[in-house]
Protein backbone atom coordinates (compact mmCIF):
# COMPACT_ATOMS: atom_id res chain seq x y z
CA UNK A 1 -101.07 -59.65 -101.86
CA UNK A 2 -98.03 -59.59 -103.99
CA UNK A 3 -95.22 -62.30 -103.58
CA UNK A 4 -93.10 -59.41 -101.54
CA UNK A 5 -96.11 -58.66 -99.27
CA UNK A 6 -96.41 -62.81 -98.45
CA UNK A 7 -93.03 -63.13 -98.03
CA UNK A 8 -93.05 -60.63 -95.21
CA UNK A 9 -95.80 -61.91 -93.87
CA UNK A 10 -94.24 -65.52 -93.98
CA UNK A 11 -90.94 -63.94 -92.27
CA UNK A 12 -93.08 -62.46 -89.69
CA UNK A 13 -94.88 -65.84 -88.87
CA UNK A 14 -91.44 -67.47 -88.55
CA UNK A 15 -90.42 -64.75 -86.04
CA UNK A 16 -93.48 -65.02 -84.05
CA UNK A 17 -93.05 -68.96 -84.23
CA UNK A 18 -89.52 -68.25 -82.68
CA UNK A 19 -87.51 -70.01 -85.52
CA UNK A 20 -83.91 -68.75 -84.99
CA UNK A 21 -83.03 -65.91 -87.25
CA UNK A 22 -80.30 -67.44 -89.87
CA UNK A 23 -82.97 -70.31 -90.20
CA UNK A 24 -85.88 -68.07 -91.11
CA UNK A 25 -83.32 -65.95 -93.18
CA UNK A 26 -82.44 -68.83 -95.15
CA UNK A 27 -86.00 -70.36 -95.15
CA UNK A 28 -87.58 -66.96 -96.52
CA UNK A 29 -84.65 -66.81 -99.18
CA UNK A 30 -85.56 -70.23 -100.47
CA UNK A 31 -89.13 -69.33 -100.97
CA UNK A 32 -88.14 -66.19 -102.69
CA UNK A 33 -86.01 -67.99 -105.05
CA UNK A 34 -88.41 -70.54 -105.64
CA UNK A 35 -90.93 -67.86 -106.05
CA UNK A 36 -88.68 -66.18 -108.60
CA UNK A 37 -87.63 -69.14 -110.86
CA UNK A 38 -91.04 -70.57 -110.89
CA UNK A 39 -93.06 -67.16 -111.17
CA UNK A 40 -96.09 -68.91 -109.11
CA UNK A 41 -98.29 -67.25 -106.92
CA UNK A 42 -97.32 -67.72 -103.22
CA UNK A 43 -100.88 -68.47 -102.13
CA UNK A 44 -101.04 -71.59 -105.05
CA UNK A 45 -97.16 -72.40 -104.37
CA UNK A 46 -96.93 -72.46 -100.34
CA UNK A 47 -100.70 -71.53 -99.31
CA UNK A 48 -101.22 -69.24 -96.30
CA UNK A 49 -97.98 -67.58 -94.68
CA UNK A 50 -99.47 -68.85 -91.17
CA UNK A 51 -100.05 -72.46 -92.62
CA UNK A 52 -96.90 -72.66 -94.47
CA UNK A 53 -94.65 -71.01 -91.29
CA UNK A 54 -96.46 -73.99 -89.12
CA UNK A 55 -95.27 -76.44 -91.60
CA UNK A 56 -91.45 -75.32 -91.44
CA UNK A 57 -91.66 -74.74 -87.02
CA UNK A 58 -92.71 -78.91 -87.42
CA UNK A 59 -89.66 -79.35 -89.82
CA UNK A 60 -87.05 -76.78 -88.54
CA UNK A 61 -88.30 -76.39 -84.63
CA UNK A 62 -87.67 -73.46 -82.59
CA UNK A 63 -85.10 -71.54 -81.22
CA UNK A 64 -84.39 -71.59 -77.66
CA UNK A 65 -86.09 -69.30 -75.55
CA UNK A 66 -84.92 -67.57 -72.44
CA UNK A 67 -84.62 -69.46 -69.48
CA UNK A 68 -85.99 -68.06 -65.97
CA UNK A 69 -83.80 -65.75 -64.43
CA UNK A 70 -81.55 -67.01 -61.67
CA UNK A 71 -79.11 -65.45 -59.34
CA UNK A 72 -76.37 -64.60 -61.04
CA UNK A 73 -77.16 -65.01 -64.18
CA UNK A 74 -75.25 -62.10 -66.26
CA UNK A 75 -74.37 -62.54 -69.73
CA UNK A 76 -70.98 -62.75 -68.41
CA UNK A 77 -71.83 -65.68 -66.12
CA UNK A 78 -70.32 -69.15 -66.39
CA UNK A 79 -72.25 -72.31 -65.28
CA UNK A 80 -69.65 -72.63 -62.42
CA UNK A 81 -71.26 -69.15 -61.32
CA UNK A 82 -74.88 -70.42 -61.42
CA UNK A 83 -74.66 -73.67 -60.28
CA UNK A 84 -74.03 -75.19 -63.32
CA UNK A 85 -77.02 -74.12 -65.17
CA UNK A 86 -77.08 -72.23 -68.26
CA UNK A 87 -78.88 -68.56 -68.50
CA UNK A 88 -79.72 -66.00 -70.23
CA UNK A 89 -80.31 -67.86 -73.31
CA UNK A 90 -76.62 -67.60 -73.67
CA UNK A 91 -74.15 -70.53 -74.47
CA UNK A 92 -71.57 -70.87 -72.08
C-alpha cells in the first residue's frame, strides 16, 4: 500500500467513523503534507489507517448524526414547528 492508498483508506475510516467532512479533509491534508515533506512510510509514521482514525476521533469527535424523525420535521421546519426540538440534523 503506497501513501495515496493509505490516505484513501484513512479518509474512508474517518468517514465511516462520522468525522465531520471539513475536519476529515483537513486532517487528511495534514497527513498528506506530513508524508510529502517527511517522505516517510505512512504505516511507520502513523500506523494502520484504522488505528490512526480512531486516535483522531478521540481528539476531534464525530459529527452529530441525524436524530429520530419527528412529526413536522422538514429541512425548512423551525424549532417552533417541532415543539422546540431541532430535527433532521439541520441547524434552525
